[in-house]
Amino acid sequence: MRLEFVEVLQALWENAVAERFRAYPYSAIPLLDRELAKWREGTASEVVSHILPRCEKEPLPS
């Protein structure tokens, strides 16, 4: 469960950095700017979550 939690948080972080890059590709905060630099340099890649939802809705009756 912890591994799944870490994977979810990592995907959220990487997606947030990607969105931030689209809004403005630089930051005065060194940690964030290092992450944004990966996008500026073209070495970052889009994050695709492979995490499945925990609960599935029952199909609607026909």
PDB file of N, CA and C in Angstrom:
ATOM      1  N   MET A   1       0.822  -1.181   0.000  1.00  0.00           N
ATOM      2  CA  MET A   1       0.000   0.000   0.000  1.00  0.00           C
ATOM      3  C   MET A   1       0.876   1.259   0.000  1.00  0.00           C
ATOM      4  N   ARG A   2       1.970   1.222   0.741  1.00  0.00           N
ATOM      5  CA  ARG A   2       2.860   2.388   0.777  1.00  0.00           C
ATOM      6  C   ARG A   2       3.457   2.675  -0.591  1.00  0.00           C
ATOM      7  N   LEU A   3       3.844   1.625  -1.286  1.00  0.00           N
ATOM      8  CA  LEU A   3       4.414   1.792  -2.620  1.00  0.00           C
ATOM      9  C   LEU A   3       3.396   2.446  -3.554  1.00  0.00           C
ATOM     10  N   GLU A   4       2.170   2.000  -3.484  1.00  0.00           N
ATOM     11  CA  GLU A   4       1.112   2.595  -4.309  1.00  0.00           C
ATOM     12  C   GLU A   4       0.923   4.073  -3.953  1.00  0.00           C
ATOM     13  N   PHE A   5       0.963   4.381  -2.672  1.00  0.00           N
ATOM     14  CA  PHE A   5       0.815   5.763  -2.216  1.00  0.00           C
ATOM     15  C   PHE A   5       1.956   6.632  -2.753  1.00  0.00           C
ATOM     16  N   VAL A   6       3.171   6.117  -2.692  1.00  0.00           N
ATOM     17  CA  VAL A   6       4.335   6.852  -3.192  1.00  0.00           C
ATOM     18  C   VAL A   6       4.208   7.066  -4.700  1.00  0.00           C
ATOM     19  N   GLU A   7       3.749   6.055  -5.418  1.00  0.00           N
ATOM     20  CA  GLU A   7       3.568   6.185  -6.863  1.00  0.00           C
ATOM     21  C   GLU A   7       2.530   7.255  -7.203  1.00  0.00           C
ATOM     22  N   VAL A   8       1.454   7.292  -6.444  1.00  0.00           N
ATOM     23  CA  VAL A   8       0.412   8.300  -6.673  1.00  0.00           C
ATOM     24  C   VAL A   8       0.968   9.694  -6.409  1.00  0.00           C
ATOM     25  N   LEU A   9       1.669   9.855  -5.303  1.00  0.00           N
ATOM     26  CA  LEU A   9       2.242  11.166  -4.979  1.00  0.00           C
ATOM     27  C   LEU A   9       3.269  11.595  -6.019  1.00  0.00           C
ATOM     28  N   GLN A  10       4.085  10.667  -6.491  1.00  0.00           N
ATOM     29  CA  GLN A  10       5.082  10.988  -7.504  1.00  0.00           C
ATOM     30  C   GLN A  10       4.410  11.436  -8.794  1.00  0.00           C
ATOM     31  N   ALA A  11       3.370  10.742  -9.202  1.00  0.00           N
ATOM     32  CA  ALA A  11       2.649  11.120 -10.424  1.00  0.00           C
ATOM     33  C   ALA A  11       1.995  12.490 -10.259  1.00  0.00           C
ATOM     34  N   LEU A  12       1.427  12.758  -9.096  1.00  0.00           N
ATOM     35  CA  LEU A  12       0.825  14.070  -8.845  1.00  0.00           C
ATOM     36  C   LEU A  12       1.875  15.173  -8.925  1.00  0.00           C
ATOM     37  N   TRP A  13       3.042  14.943  -8.320  1.00  0.00           N
ATOM     38  CA  TRP A  13       4.130  15.931  -8.346  1.00  0.00           C
ATOM     39  C   TRP A  13       4.587  16.189  -9.779  1.00  0.00           C
ATOM     40  N   GLU A  14       4.840  15.126 -10.522  1.00  0.00           N
ATOM     41  CA  GLU A  14       5.339  15.286 -11.883  1.00  0.00           C
ATOM     42  C   GLU A  14       4.306  15.970 -12.790  1.00  0.00           C
ATOM     43  N   ASN A  15       3.046  15.638 -12.605  1.00  0.00           N
ATOM     44  CA  ASN A  15       2.002  16.311 -13.381  1.00  0.00           C
ATOM     45  C   ASN A  15       1.889  17.783 -13.001  1.00  0.00           C
ATOM     46  N   ALA A  16       2.042  18.081 -11.722  1.00  0.00           N
ATOM     47  CA  ALA A  16       1.988  19.471 -11.271  1.00  0.00           C
ATOM     48  C   ALA A  16       3.154  20.275 -11.854  1.00  0.00           C
ATOM     49  N   VAL A  17       4.331  19.680 -11.901  1.00  0.00           N
ATOM     50  CA  VAL A  17       5.496  20.359 -12.486  1.00  0.00           C
ATOM     51  C   VAL A  17       5.257  20.606 -13.976  1.00  0.00           C
ATOM     52  N   ALA A  18       4.683  19.636 -14.663  1.00  0.00           N
ATOM     53  CA  ALA A  18       4.395  19.798 -16.092  1.00  0.00           C
ATOM     54  C   ALA A  18       3.407  20.940 -16.314  1.00  0.00           C
ATOM     55  N   GLU A  19       2.375  21.010 -15.497  1.00  0.00           N
ATOM     56  CA  GLU A  19       1.401  22.096 -15.615  1.00  0.00           C
ATOM     57  C   GLU A  19       2.047  23.442 -15.309  1.00  0.00           C
ATOM     58  N   ARG A  20       2.905  23.468 -14.291  1.00  0.00           N
ATOM     59  CA  ARG A  20       3.599  24.713 -13.921  1.00  0.00           C
ATOM     60  C   ARG A  20       4.489  25.173 -15.064  1.00  0.00           C
ATOM     61  N   PHE A  21       5.163  24.229 -15.728  1.00  0.00           N
ATOM     62  CA  PHE A  21       6.018  24.556 -16.854  1.00  0.00           C
ATOM     63  C   PHE A  21       5.204  25.196 -17.980  1.00  0.00           C
ATOM     64  N   ARG A  22       4.019  24.675 -18.230  1.00  0.00           N
ATOM     65  CA  ARG A  22       3.170  25.237 -19.281  1.00  0.00           C
ATOM     66  C   ARG A  22       2.752  26.670 -18.943  1.00  0.00           C
ATOM     67  N   ALA A  23       2.557  26.949 -17.664  1.00  0.00           N
ATOM     68  CA  ALA A  23       2.145  28.293 -17.234  1.00  0.00           C
ATOM     69  C   ALA A  23       3.325  29.264 -17.265  1.00  0.00           C
ATOM     70  N   TYR A  24       4.462  28.845 -16.729  1.00  0.00           N
ATOM     71  CA  TYR A  24       5.671  29.672 -16.704  1.00  0.00           C
ATOM     72  C   TYR A  24       6.858  28.752 -16.456  1.00  0.00           C
ATOM     73  N   PRO A  25       7.825  28.715 -17.351  1.00  0.00           N
ATOM     74  CA  PRO A  25       8.890  27.711 -17.279  1.00  0.00           C
ATOM     75  C   PRO A  25      10.051  27.994 -16.320  1.00  0.00           C
ATOM     76  N   TYR A  26       9.956  29.030 -15.506  1.00  0.00           N
ATOM     77  CA  TYR A  26      11.025  29.349 -14.555  1.00  0.00           C
ATOM     78  C   TYR A  26      10.444  29.550 -13.167  1.00  0.00           C
ATOM     79  N   SER A  27      11.290  29.381 -12.142  1.00  0.00           N
ATOM     80  CA  SER A  27      10.867  29.614 -10.766  1.00  0.00           C
ATOM     81  C   SER A  27      12.035  30.168  -9.961  1.00  0.00           C
ATOM     82  N   ALA A  28      11.725  31.039  -9.008  1.00  0.00           N
ATOM     83  CA  ALA A  28      12.745  31.564  -8.104  1.00  0.00           C
ATOM     84  C   ALA A  28      13.093  30.541  -7.014  1.00  0.00           C
ATOM     85  N   ILE A  29      12.286  29.513  -6.889  1.00  0.00           N
ATOM     86  CA  ILE A  29      12.519  28.458  -5.901  1.00  0.00           C
ATOM     87  C   ILE A  29      13.458  27.424  -6.527  1.00  0.00           C
ATOM     88  N   PRO A  30      14.657  27.260  -5.984  1.00  0.00           N
ATOM     89  CA  PRO A  30      15.660  26.385  -6.613  1.00  0.00           C
ATOM     90  C   PRO A  30      15.176  24.953  -6.889  1.00  0.00           C
ATOM     91  N   LEU A  31      14.504  24.338  -5.943  1.00  0.00           N
ATOM     92  CA  LEU A  31      14.034  22.969  -6.136  1.00  0.00           C
ATOM     93  C   LEU A  31      13.083  22.888  -7.324  1.00  0.00           C
ATOM     94  N   LEU A  32      12.127  23.780  -7.390  1.00  0.00           N
ATOM     95  CA  LEU A  32      11.170  23.780  -8.495  1.00  0.00           C
ATOM     96  C   LEU A  32      11.854  24.135  -9.808  1.00  0.00           C
ATOM     97  N   ASP A  33      12.775  25.083  -9.772  1.00  0.00           N
ATOM     98  CA  ASP A  33      13.465  25.470 -11.002  1.00  0.00           C
ATOM     99  C   ASP A  33      14.298  24.316 -11.565  1.00  0.00           C
ATOM    100  N   ARG A  34      14.893  23.489 -10.686  1.00  0.00           N
ATOM    101  CA  ARG A  34      15.636  22.307 -11.161  1.00  0.00           C
ATOM    102  C   ARG A  34      14.701  21.338 -11.877  1.00  0.00           C
ATOM    103  N   GLU A  35      13.509  21.176 -11.349  1.00  0.00           N
ATOM    104  CA  GLU A  35      12.540  20.287 -11.995  1.00  0.00           C
ATOM    105  C   GLU A  35      12.055  20.882 -13.310  1.00  0.00           C
ATOM    106  N   LEU A  36      11.824  22.190 -13.330  1.00  0.00           N
ATOM    107  CA  LEU A  36      11.389  22.850 -14.558  1.00  0.00           C
ATOM    108  C   LEU A  36      12.491  22.823 -15.620  1.00  0.00           C
ATOM    109  N   ALA A  37      13.746  22.835 -15.176  1.00  0.00           N
ATOM    110  CA  ALA A  37      14.873  22.797 -16.115  1.00  0.00           C
ATOM    111  C   ALA A  37      14.839  21.531 -16.962  1.00  0.00           C
ATOM    112  N   LYS A  38      14.361  20.434 -16.390  1.00  0.00           N
ATOM    113  CA  LYS A  38      14.242  19.193 -17.155  1.00  0.00           C
ATOM    114  C   LYS A  38      13.304  19.396 -18.338  1.00  0.00           C
ATOM    115  N   TRP A  39      12.249  20.181 -18.138  1.00  0.00           N
ATOM    116  CA  TRP A  39      11.306  20.470 -19.220  1.00  0.00           C
ATOM    117  C   TRP A  39      11.929  21.446 -20.216  1.00  0.00           C
ATOM    118  N   ARG A  40      12.649  22.446 -19.702  1.00  0.00           N
ATOM    119  CA  ARG A  40      13.290  23.415 -20.608  1.00  0.00           C
ATOM    120  C   ARG A  40      14.320  22.736 -21.491  1.00  0.00           C
ATOM    121  N   GLU A  41      15.038  21.755 -20.933  1.00  0.00           N
ATOM    122  CA  GLU A  41      16.084  21.044 -21.668  1.00  0.00           C
ATOM    123  C   GLU A  41      15.523  19.926 -22.541  1.00  0.00           C
ATOM    124  N   GLY A  42      14.265  19.616 -22.343  1.00  0.00           N
ATOM    125  CA  GLY A  42      13.638  18.558 -23.127  1.00  0.00           C
ATOM    126  C   GLY A  42      13.934  17.153 -22.625  1.00  0.00           C
ATOM    127  N   THR A  43      14.396  17.027 -21.376  1.00  0.00           N
ATOM    128  CA  THR A  43      14.709  15.704 -20.850  1.00  0.00           C
ATOM    129  C   THR A  43      13.588  15.126 -19.991  1.00  0.00           C
ATOM    130  N   ALA A  44      12.543  15.891 -19.757  1.00  0.00           N
ATOM    131  CA  ALA A  44      11.403  15.392 -18.977  1.00  0.00           C
ATOM    132  C   ALA A  44      10.415  14.733 -19.917  1.00  0.00           C
ATOM    133  N   SER A  45       9.591  13.875 -19.357  1.00  0.00           N
ATOM    134  CA  SER A  45       8.571  13.223 -20.176  1.00  0.00           C
ATOM    135  C   SER A  45       7.229  13.285 -19.458  1.00  0.00           C
ATOM    136  N   GLU A  46       6.183  13.214 -20.244  1.00  0.00           N
ATOM    137  CA  GLU A  46       4.842  13.232 -19.686  1.00  0.00           C
ATOM    138  C   GLU A  46       4.658  12.025 -18.781  1.00  0.00           C
ATOM    139  N   VAL A  47       3.900  12.221 -17.730  1.00  0.00           N
ATOM    140  CA  VAL A  47       3.607  11.157 -16.790  1.00  0.00           C
ATOM    141  C   VAL A  47       2.257  10.563 -17.161  1.00  0.00           C
ATOM    142  N   VAL A  48       2.245   9.259 -17.276  1.00  0.00           N
ATOM    143  CA  VAL A  48       0.990   8.563 -17.522  1.00  0.00           C
ATOM    144  C   VAL A  48       0.758   7.637 -16.348  1.00  0.00           C
ATOM    145  N   SER A  49      -0.333   7.857 -15.652  1.00  0.00           N
ATOM    146  CA  SER A  49      -0.623   7.045 -14.484  1.00  0.00           C
ATOM    147  C   SER A  49      -1.165   5.689 -14.906  1.00  0.00           C
ATOM    148  N   HIS A  50      -0.630   4.649 -14.301  1.00  0.00           N
ATOM    149  CA  HIS A  50      -1.127   3.304 -14.535  1.00  0.00           C
ATOM    150  C   HIS A  50      -1.898   2.803 -13.324  1.00  0.00           C
ATOM    151  N   ILE A  51      -2.312   3.719 -12.492  1.00  0.00           N
ATOM    152  CA  ILE A  51      -3.011   3.357 -11.269  1.00  0.00           C
ATOM    153  C   ILE A  51      -4.493   3.238 -11.582  1.00  0.00           C
ATOM    154  N   LEU A  52      -5.041   2.113 -11.266  1.00  0.00           N
ATOM    155  CA  LEU A  52      -6.449   1.869 -11.534  1.00  0.00           C
ATOM    156  C   LEU A  52      -7.306   2.363 -10.379  1.00  0.00           C
ATOM    157  N   PRO A  53      -8.525   2.796 -10.680  1.00  0.00           N
ATOM    158  CA  PRO A  53      -9.416   3.193  -9.593  1.00  0.00           C
ATOM    159  C   PRO A  53      -9.705   2.011  -8.674  1.00  0.00           C
ATOM    160  N   ARG A  54      -9.875   2.292  -7.413  1.00  0.00           N
ATOM    161  CA  ARG A  54     -10.111   1.228  -6.437  1.00  0.00           C
ATOM    162  C   ARG A  54     -11.510   0.641  -6.535  1.00  0.00           C
ATOM    163  N   CYS A  55     -12.466   1.458  -6.825  1.00  0.00           N
ATOM    164  CA  CYS A  55     -13.833   0.940  -6.876  1.00  0.00           C
ATOM    165  C   CYS A  55     -14.410   1.198  -8.251  1.00  0.00           C
ATOM    166  N   GLU A  56     -15.080   0.220  -8.757  1.00  0.00           N
ATOM    167  CA  GLU A  56     -15.721   0.349 -10.041  1.00  0.00           C
ATOM    168  C   GLU A  56     -17.222   0.453  -9.829  1.00  0.00           C
ATOM    169  N   LYS A  57     -17.842   1.291 -10.609  1.00  0.00           N
ATOM    170  CA  LYS A  57     -19.289   1.428 -10.502  1.00  0.00           C
ATOM    171  C   LYS A  57     -19.929   0.233 -11.186  1.00  0.00           C
ATOM    172  N   GLU A  58     -21.053  -0.163 -10.642  1.00  0.00           N
ATOM    173  CA  GLU A  58     -21.782  -1.267 -11.249  1.00  0.00           C
ATOM    174  C   GLU A  58     -22.409  -0.772 -12.535  1.00  0.00           C
ATOM    175  N   PRO A  59     -22.471  -1.610 -13.555  1.00  0.00           N
ATOM    176  CA  PRO A  59     -23.082  -1.176 -14.807  1.00  0.00           C
ATOM    177  C   PRO A  59     -24.553  -0.837 -14.612  1.00  0.00           C
ATOM    178  N   LEU A  60     -24.990   0.125 -15.351  1.00  0.00           N
ATOM    179  CA  LEU A  60     -26.400   0.514 -15.297  1.00  0.00           C
ATOM    180  C   LEU A  60     -27.257  -0.575 -15.924  1.00  0.00           C
ATOM    181  N   PRO A  61     -28.431  -0.798 -15.375  1.00  0.00           N
ATOM    182  CA  PRO A  61     -29.302  -1.818 -15.965  1.00  0.00           C
ATOM    183  C   PRO A  61     -29.718  -1.407 -17.375  1.00  0.00           C
ATOM    184  N   SER A  62     -29.882  -2.403 -18.240  1.00  0.00           N
ATOM    185  CA  SER A  62     -30.265  -2.113 -19.635  1.00  0.00           C
ATOM    186  C   SER A  62     -31.748  -1.876 -19.766  1.00  0.00           C
TER     187      SER A  62
END
